[in-house]
Amino acid sequence: KGGAAGYGFTVSGTRISPPNGWRILAQGMPVPVIH
């Protein structure tokens, strides 16, 4: 479901923010070499 226990969230349920100049890769997308 992408809920608080899921990808893009910490175990405590906080949404992860990417560093400046970066974006969170969508779940299921292939991971490129630079990441």
All heavy atoms as atom14 arrays in JSON, in Angstrom:
{
  "sequence": "KGGAAGYGFTVSGTRISPPNGWRILAQGMPVPVIH",
  "atom14_mask": [
    [1, 1, 1, 1, 1, 1, 1, 1, 1, 0, 0, 0, 0, 0],
    [1, 1, 1, 1, 0, 0, 0, 0, 0, 0, 0, 0, 0, 0],
    [1, 1, 1, 1, 0, 0, 0, 0, 0, 0, 0, 0, 0, 0],
    [1, 1, 1, 1, 1, 0, 0, 0, 0, 0, 0, 0, 0, 0],
    [1, 1, 1, 1, 1, 0, 0, 0, 0, 0, 0, 0, 0, 0],
    [1, 1, 1, 1, 0, 0, 0, 0, 0, 0, 0, 0, 0, 0],
    [1, 1, 1, 1, 1, 1, 1, 1, 1, 1, 1, 1, 0, 0],
    [1, 1, 1, 1, 0, 0, 0, 0, 0, 0, 0, 0, 0, 0],
    [1, 1, 1, 1, 1, 1, 1, 1, 1, 1, 1, 0, 0, 0],
    [1, 1, 1, 1, 1, 1, 1, 0, 0, 0, 0, 0, 0, 0],
    [1, 1, 1, 1, 1, 1, 1, 0, 0, 0, 0, 0, 0, 0],
    [1, 1, 1, 1, 1, 1, 0, 0, 0, 0, 0, 0, 0, 0],
    [1, 1, 1, 1, 0, 0, 0, 0, 0, 0, 0, 0, 0, 0],
    [1, 1, 1, 1, 1, 1, 1, 0, 0, 0, 0, 0, 0, 0],
    [1, 1, 1, 1, 1, 1, 1, 1, 1, 1, 1, 0, 0, 0],
    [1, 1, 1, 1, 1, 1, 1, 1, 0, 0, 0, 0, 0, 0],
    [1, 1, 1, 1, 1, 1, 0, 0, 0, 0, 0, 0, 0, 0],
    [1, 1, 1, 1, 1, 1, 1, 0, 0, 0, 0, 0, 0, 0],
    [1, 1, 1, 1, 1, 1, 1, 0, 0, 0, 0, 0, 0, 0],
    [1, 1, 1, 1, 1, 1, 1, 1, 0, 0, 0, 0, 0, 0],
    [1, 1, 1, 1, 0, 0, 0, 0, 0, 0, 0, 0, 0, 0],
    [1, 1, 1, 1, 1, 1, 1, 1, 1, 1, 1, 1, 1, 1],
    [1, 1, 1, 1, 1, 1, 1, 1, 1, 1, 1, 0, 0, 0],
    [1, 1, 1, 1, 1, 1, 1, 1, 0, 0, 0, 0, 0, 0],
    [1, 1, 1, 1, 1, 1, 1, 1, 0, 0, 0, 0, 0, 0],
    [1, 1, 1, 1, 1, 0, 0, 0, 0, 0, 0, 0, 0, 0],
    [1, 1, 1, 1, 1, 1, 1, 1, 1, 0, 0, 0, 0, 0],
    [1, 1, 1, 1, 0, 0, 0, 0, 0, 0, 0, 0, 0, 0],
    [1, 1, 1, 1, 1, 1, 1, 1, 0, 0, 0, 0, 0, 0],
    [1, 1, 1, 1, 1, 1, 1, 0, 0, 0, 0, 0, 0, 0],
    [1, 1, 1, 1, 1, 1, 1, 0, 0, 0, 0, 0, 0, 0],
    [1, 1, 1, 1, 1, 1, 1, 0, 0, 0, 0, 0, 0, 0],
    [1, 1, 1, 1, 1, 1, 1, 0, 0, 0, 0, 0, 0, 0],
    [1, 1, 1, 1, 1, 1, 1, 1, 0, 0, 0, 0, 0, 0],
    [1, 1, 1, 1, 1, 1, 1, 1, 1, 1, 0, 0, 0, 0]
  ],
  "atom14_positions": [
    [[0.81, -1.21, 0.0], [0.0, 0.0, 0.0], [0.85, 1.26, 0.0], [0.34, 2.35, -0.17], [-0.9, 0.02, 1.24], [-1.93, -1.06, 1.28], [-2.69, -0.97, 2.58], [-3.48, -2.22, 2.87], [-3.99, -2.23, 4.22], [0.0, 0.0, 0.0], [0.0, 0.0, 0.0], [0.0, 0.0, 0.0], [0.0, 0.0, 0.0], [0.0, 0.0, 0.0]],
    [[2.17, 1.13, 0.26], [3.02, 2.32, 0.37], [2.79, 3.03, 1.69], [3.04, 4.22, 1.82], [0.0, 0.0, 0.0], [0.0, 0.0, 0.0], [0.0, 0.0, 0.0], [0.0, 0.0, 0.0], [0.0, 0.0, 0.0], [0.0, 0.0, 0.0], [0.0, 0.0, 0.0], [0.0, 0.0, 0.0], [0.0, 0.0, 0.0], [0.0, 0.0, 0.0]],
    [[2.3, 2.3, 2.7], [2.0, 2.89, 3.99], [3.24, 3.24, 4.78], [4.36, 3.19, 4.29], [0.0, 0.0, 0.0], [0.0, 0.0, 0.0], [0.0, 0.0, 0.0], [0.0, 0.0, 0.0], [0.0, 0.0, 0.0], [0.0, 0.0, 0.0], [0.0, 0.0, 0.0], [0.0, 0.0, 0.0], [0.0, 0.0, 0.0], [0.0, 0.0, 0.0]],
    [[3.03, 3.61, 6.02], [4.12, 4.08, 6.88], [5.22, 3.05, 7.02], [6.37, 3.41, 7.25], [3.56, 4.47, 8.23], [0.0, 0.0, 0.0], [0.0, 0.0, 0.0], [0.0, 0.0, 0.0], [0.0, 0.0, 0.0], [0.0, 0.0, 0.0], [0.0, 0.0, 0.0], [0.0, 0.0, 0.0], [0.0, 0.0, 0.0], [0.0, 0.0, 0.0]],
    [[4.91, 1.79, 6.92], [5.94, 0.76, 7.04], [6.59, 0.47, 5.69], [7.43, -0.4, 5.6], [5.34, -0.52, 7.61], [0.0, 0.0, 0.0], [0.0, 0.0, 0.0], [0.0, 0.0, 0.0], [0.0, 0.0, 0.0], [0.0, 0.0, 0.0], [0.0, 0.0, 0.0], [0.0, 0.0, 0.0], [0.0, 0.0, 0.0], [0.0, 0.0, 0.0]],
    [[6.2, 1.19, 4.66], [6.65, 0.87, 3.31], [7.81, 1.7, 2.8], [8.41, 2.5, 3.51], [0.0, 0.0, 0.0], [0.0, 0.0, 0.0], [0.0, 0.0, 0.0], [0.0, 0.0, 0.0], [0.0, 0.0, 0.0], [0.0, 0.0, 0.0], [0.0, 0.0, 0.0], [0.0, 0.0, 0.0], [0.0, 0.0, 0.0], [0.0, 0.0, 0.0]],
    [[8.09, 1.48, 1.56], [9.18, 2.15, 0.85], [8.95, 3.66, 0.86], [7.84, 4.14, 0.64], [9.22, 1.64, -0.59], [10.25, 2.33, -1.46], [11.58, 1.94, -1.41], [9.89, 3.36, -2.31], [12.52, 2.57, -2.21], [10.82, 3.98, -3.11], [12.14, 3.59, -3.05], [13.08, 4.21, -3.82], [0.0, 0.0, 0.0], [0.0, 0.0, 0.0]],
    [[10.0, 4.43, 1.12], [9.9, 5.89, 1.15], [9.54, 6.47, 2.5], [9.39, 7.67, 2.64], [0.0, 0.0, 0.0], [0.0, 0.0, 0.0], [0.0, 0.0, 0.0], [0.0, 0.0, 0.0], [0.0, 0.0, 0.0], [0.0, 0.0, 0.0], [0.0, 0.0, 0.0], [0.0, 0.0, 0.0], [0.0, 0.0, 0.0], [0.0, 0.0, 0.0]],
    [[9.38, 5.6, 3.5], [9.05, 6.03, 4.85], [10.02, 5.38, 5.84], [10.47, 4.25, 5.62], [7.63, 5.59, 5.24], [6.55, 6.3, 4.49], [6.16, 5.86, 3.24], [5.94, 7.42, 5.02], [5.16, 6.51, 2.54], [4.94, 8.07, 4.32], [4.55, 7.62, 3.08], [0.0, 0.0, 0.0], [0.0, 0.0, 0.0], [0.0, 0.0, 0.0]],
    [[10.31, 6.08, 6.94], [11.1, 5.47, 8.01], [10.23, 4.44, 8.71], [9.01, 4.4, 8.5], [11.57, 6.51, 9.03], [10.41, 7.09, 9.66], [12.41, 7.6, 8.38], [0.0, 0.0, 0.0], [0.0, 0.0, 0.0], [0.0, 0.0, 0.0], [0.0, 0.0, 0.0], [0.0, 0.0, 0.0], [0.0, 0.0, 0.0], [0.0, 0.0, 0.0]],
    [[10.83, 3.64, 9.56], [10.07, 2.64, 10.3], [9.03, 3.32, 11.19], [7.94, 2.8, 11.4], [11.01, 1.75, 11.15], [10.25, 0.85, 12.08], [11.9, 0.92, 10.23], [0.0, 0.0, 0.0], [0.0, 0.0, 0.0], [0.0, 0.0, 0.0], [0.0, 0.0, 0.0], [0.0, 0.0, 0.0], [0.0, 0.0, 0.0], [0.0, 0.0, 0.0]],
    [[9.35, 4.52, 11.68], [8.4, 5.25, 12.55], [7.28, 5.93, 11.76], [6.39, 6.52, 12.35], [9.15, 6.27, 13.41], [9.77, 7.23, 12.59], [0.0, 0.0, 0.0], [0.0, 0.0, 0.0], [0.0, 0.0, 0.0], [0.0, 0.0, 0.0], [0.0, 0.0, 0.0], [0.0, 0.0, 0.0], [0.0, 0.0, 0.0], [0.0, 0.0, 0.0]],
    [[7.32, 5.88, 10.42], [6.24, 6.42, 9.61], [6.48, 7.8, 9.04], [5.6, 8.38, 8.42], [0.0, 0.0, 0.0], [0.0, 0.0, 0.0], [0.0, 0.0, 0.0], [0.0, 0.0, 0.0], [0.0, 0.0, 0.0], [0.0, 0.0, 0.0], [0.0, 0.0, 0.0], [0.0, 0.0, 0.0], [0.0, 0.0, 0.0], [0.0, 0.0, 0.0]],
    [[7.68, 8.35, 9.21], [8.01, 9.66, 8.65], [8.4, 9.52, 7.19], [9.22, 8.68, 6.85], [9.18, 10.3, 9.43], [8.84, 10.35, 10.81], [9.49, 11.69, 8.93], [0.0, 0.0, 0.0], [0.0, 0.0, 0.0], [0.0, 0.0, 0.0], [0.0, 0.0, 0.0], [0.0, 0.0, 0.0], [0.0, 0.0, 0.0], [0.0, 0.0, 0.0]],
    [[7.82, 10.39, 6.33], [8.18, 10.35, 4.91], [9.63, 10.8, 4.75], [10.06, 11.77, 5.34], [7.26, 11.26, 4.09], [7.56, 11.21, 2.59], [6.62, 12.1, 1.8], [5.26, 11.62, 1.83], [4.77, 10.68, 1.02], [5.56, 10.09, 0.14], [3.52, 10.31, 1.09], [0.0, 0.0, 0.0], [0.0, 0.0, 0.0], [0.0, 0.0, 0.0]],
    [[10.38, 10.09, 3.94], [11.79, 10.41, 3.7], [11.89, 11.56, 2.7], [11.22, 11.53, 1.66], [12.54, 9.18, 3.16], [12.52, 8.06, 4.19], [13.96, 9.54, 2.77], [12.99, 6.72, 3.66], [0.0, 0.0, 0.0], [0.0, 0.0, 0.0], [0.0, 0.0, 0.0], [0.0, 0.0, 0.0], [0.0, 0.0, 0.0], [0.0, 0.0, 0.0]],
    [[12.71, 12.56, 3.01], [12.96, 13.67, 2.1], [14.29, 13.45, 1.41], [15.29, 13.15, 2.08], [13.0, 14.99, 2.86], [11.76, 15.26, 3.43], [0.0, 0.0, 0.0], [0.0, 0.0, 0.0], [0.0, 0.0, 0.0], [0.0, 0.0, 0.0], [0.0, 0.0, 0.0], [0.0, 0.0, 0.0], [0.0, 0.0, 0.0], [0.0, 0.0, 0.0]],
    [[14.34, 13.62, 0.09], [15.61, 13.42, -0.61], [16.57, 14.59, -0.37], [16.12, 15.7, -0.05], [15.2, 13.35, -2.08], [13.94, 14.15, -2.15], [13.26, 13.95, -0.82], [0.0, 0.0, 0.0], [0.0, 0.0, 0.0], [0.0, 0.0, 0.0], [0.0, 0.0, 0.0], [0.0, 0.0, 0.0], [0.0, 0.0, 0.0], [0.0, 0.0, 0.0]],
    [[17.87, 14.37, -0.54], [18.82, 15.47, -0.45], [18.58, 16.47, -1.59], [17.95, 16.13, -2.6], [20.19, 14.79, -0.63], [19.95, 13.33, -0.48], [18.51, 13.09, -0.79], [0.0, 0.0, 0.0], [0.0, 0.0, 0.0], [0.0, 0.0, 0.0], [0.0, 0.0, 0.0], [0.0, 0.0, 0.0], [0.0, 0.0, 0.0], [0.0, 0.0, 0.0]],
    [[19.07, 17.7, -1.43], [18.92, 18.71, -2.49], [19.53, 18.22, -3.79], [20.64, 17.68, -3.8], [19.61, 20.02, -2.08], [18.84, 20.74, -1.0], [17.64, 20.57, -0.86], [19.52, 21.55, -0.22], [0.0, 0.0, 0.0], [0.0, 0.0, 0.0], [0.0, 0.0, 0.0], [0.0, 0.0, 0.0], [0.0, 0.0, 0.0], [0.0, 0.0, 0.0]],
    [[18.8, 18.39, -4.89], [19.28, 17.97, -6.21], [19.02, 16.5, -6.51], [19.46, 15.99, -7.53], [0.0, 0.0, 0.0], [0.0, 0.0, 0.0], [0.0, 0.0, 0.0], [0.0, 0.0, 0.0], [0.0, 0.0, 0.0], [0.0, 0.0, 0.0], [0.0, 0.0, 0.0], [0.0, 0.0, 0.0], [0.0, 0.0, 0.0], [0.0, 0.0, 0.0]],
    [[18.31, 15.82, -5.63], [18.0, 14.4, -5.79], [16.5, 14.21, -5.66], [15.79, 15.05, -5.13], [18.71, 13.57, -4.72], [20.2, 13.59, -4.86], [21.03, 14.62, -4.54], [21.03, 12.56, -5.36], [22.33, 14.29, -4.82], [22.36, 13.02, -5.31], [20.79, 11.28, -5.84], [23.44, 12.25, -5.73], [21.85, 10.51, -6.24], [23.16, 10.99, -6.19]],
    [[16.0, 13.09, -6.16], [14.58, 12.73, -5.99], [14.51, 11.26, -5.59], [15.4, 10.47, -5.89], [13.79, 12.99, -7.27], [14.19, 12.1, -8.43], [13.32, 12.35, -9.66], [13.79, 11.59, -10.79], [13.52, 10.29, -11.02], [12.78, 9.62, -10.18], [14.0, 9.67, -12.08], [0.0, 0.0, 0.0], [0.0, 0.0, 0.0], [0.0, 0.0, 0.0]],
    [[13.43, 10.91, -4.89], [13.22, 9.52, -4.49], [12.8, 8.73, -5.73], [11.88, 9.14, -6.45], [12.13, 9.4, -3.41], [12.48, 10.22, -2.16], [11.87, 7.93, -3.06], [13.54, 9.62, -1.29], [0.0, 0.0, 0.0], [0.0, 0.0, 0.0], [0.0, 0.0, 0.0], [0.0, 0.0, 0.0], [0.0, 0.0, 0.0], [0.0, 0.0, 0.0]],
    [[13.46, 7.64, -5.97], [13.12, 6.76, -7.08], [11.8, 6.05, -6.76], [11.61, 5.58, -5.64], [14.24, 5.74, -7.29], [14.22, 4.87, -8.53], [14.29, 5.73, -9.79], [15.39, 3.92, -8.5], [0.0, 0.0, 0.0], [0.0, 0.0, 0.0], [0.0, 0.0, 0.0], [0.0, 0.0, 0.0], [0.0, 0.0, 0.0], [0.0, 0.0, 0.0]],
    [[10.89, 6.01, -7.7], [9.6, 5.35, -7.49], [9.8, 3.87, -7.21], [10.68, 3.23, -7.8], [8.7, 5.55, -8.7], [0.0, 0.0, 0.0], [0.0, 0.0, 0.0], [0.0, 0.0, 0.0], [0.0, 0.0, 0.0], [0.0, 0.0, 0.0], [0.0, 0.0, 0.0], [0.0, 0.0, 0.0], [0.0, 0.0, 0.0], [0.0, 0.0, 0.0]],
    [[8.98, 3.33, -6.32], [9.07, 1.92, -5.98], [8.9, 1.05, -7.22], [8.03, 1.3, -8.05], [8.02, 1.56, -4.94], [8.15, 0.14, -4.43], [7.25, -0.12, -3.24], [6.47, 0.72, -2.84], [7.35, -1.31, -2.69], [0.0, 0.0, 0.0], [0.0, 0.0, 0.0], [0.0, 0.0, 0.0], [0.0, 0.0, 0.0], [0.0, 0.0, 0.0]],
    [[9.77, 0.07, -7.35], [9.72, -0.87, -8.47], [10.56, -0.46, -9.67], [10.78, -1.28, -10.56], [0.0, 0.0, 0.0], [0.0, 0.0, 0.0], [0.0, 0.0, 0.0], [0.0, 0.0, 0.0], [0.0, 0.0, 0.0], [0.0, 0.0, 0.0], [0.0, 0.0, 0.0], [0.0, 0.0, 0.0], [0.0, 0.0, 0.0], [0.0, 0.0, 0.0]],
    [[11.02, 0.79, -9.69], [11.85, 1.25, -10.82], [13.25, 0.67, -10.7], [13.76, 0.46, -9.6], [11.93, 2.78, -10.83], [10.6, 3.46, -11.07], [9.87, 3.04, -12.65], [11.06, 3.72, -13.77], [0.0, 0.0, 0.0], [0.0, 0.0, 0.0], [0.0, 0.0, 0.0], [0.0, 0.0, 0.0], [0.0, 0.0, 0.0], [0.0, 0.0, 0.0]],
    [[13.94, 0.42, -11.83], [15.31, -0.09, -11.77], [16.25, 0.96, -11.16], [16.09, 2.15, -11.4], [15.68, -0.36, -13.23], [14.55, 0.1, -14.06], [13.44, 0.55, -13.17], [0.0, 0.0, 0.0], [0.0, 0.0, 0.0], [0.0, 0.0, 0.0], [0.0, 0.0, 0.0], [0.0, 0.0, 0.0], [0.0, 0.0, 0.0], [0.0, 0.0, 0.0]],
    [[17.18, 0.5, -10.36], [18.14, 1.39, -9.71], [19.31, 1.63, -10.65], [20.0, 0.7, -11.06], [18.65, 0.77, -8.38], [19.69, 1.67, -7.73], [17.48, 0.52, -7.44], [0.0, 0.0, 0.0], [0.0, 0.0, 0.0], [0.0, 0.0, 0.0], [0.0, 0.0, 0.0], [0.0, 0.0, 0.0], [0.0, 0.0, 0.0], [0.0, 0.0, 0.0]],
    [[19.56, 2.91, -11.03], [20.7, 3.2, -11.91], [22.02, 3.08, -11.16], [22.05, 2.95, -9.93], [20.44, 4.65, -12.34], [19.62, 5.23, -11.25], [18.81, 4.11, -10.68], [0.0, 0.0, 0.0], [0.0, 0.0, 0.0], [0.0, 0.0, 0.0], [0.0, 0.0, 0.0], [0.0, 0.0, 0.0], [0.0, 0.0, 0.0], [0.0, 0.0, 0.0]],
    [[23.1, 3.13, -11.89], [24.43, 2.98, -11.28], [24.69, 4.09, -10.27], [25.2, 3.85, -9.19], [25.52, 2.93, -12.38], [26.9, 2.93, -11.76], [25.32, 1.71, -13.26], [0.0, 0.0, 0.0], [0.0, 0.0, 0.0], [0.0, 0.0, 0.0], [0.0, 0.0, 0.0], [0.0, 0.0, 0.0], [0.0, 0.0, 0.0], [0.0, 0.0, 0.0]],
    [[24.33, 5.35, -10.58], [24.54, 6.46, -9.65], [23.28, 6.62, -8.81], [22.19, 6.88, -9.34], [24.88, 7.76, -10.4], [26.18, 7.59, -11.17], [24.96, 8.94, -9.43], [26.58, 8.76, -12.02], [0.0, 0.0, 0.0], [0.0, 0.0, 0.0], [0.0, 0.0, 0.0], [0.0, 0.0, 0.0], [0.0, 0.0, 0.0], [0.0, 0.0, 0.0]],
    [[23.43, 6.45, -7.5], [22.29, 6.5, -6.6], [22.77, 6.74, -5.17], [23.97, 6.71, -4.89], [21.49, 5.2, -6.67], [22.28, 4.0, -6.25], [23.14, 3.36, -7.12], [22.38, 3.36, -5.06], [23.71, 2.36, -6.47], [23.27, 2.34, -5.22], [0.0, 0.0, 0.0], [0.0, 0.0, 0.0], [0.0, 0.0, 0.0], [0.0, 0.0, 0.0]]
  ]
}
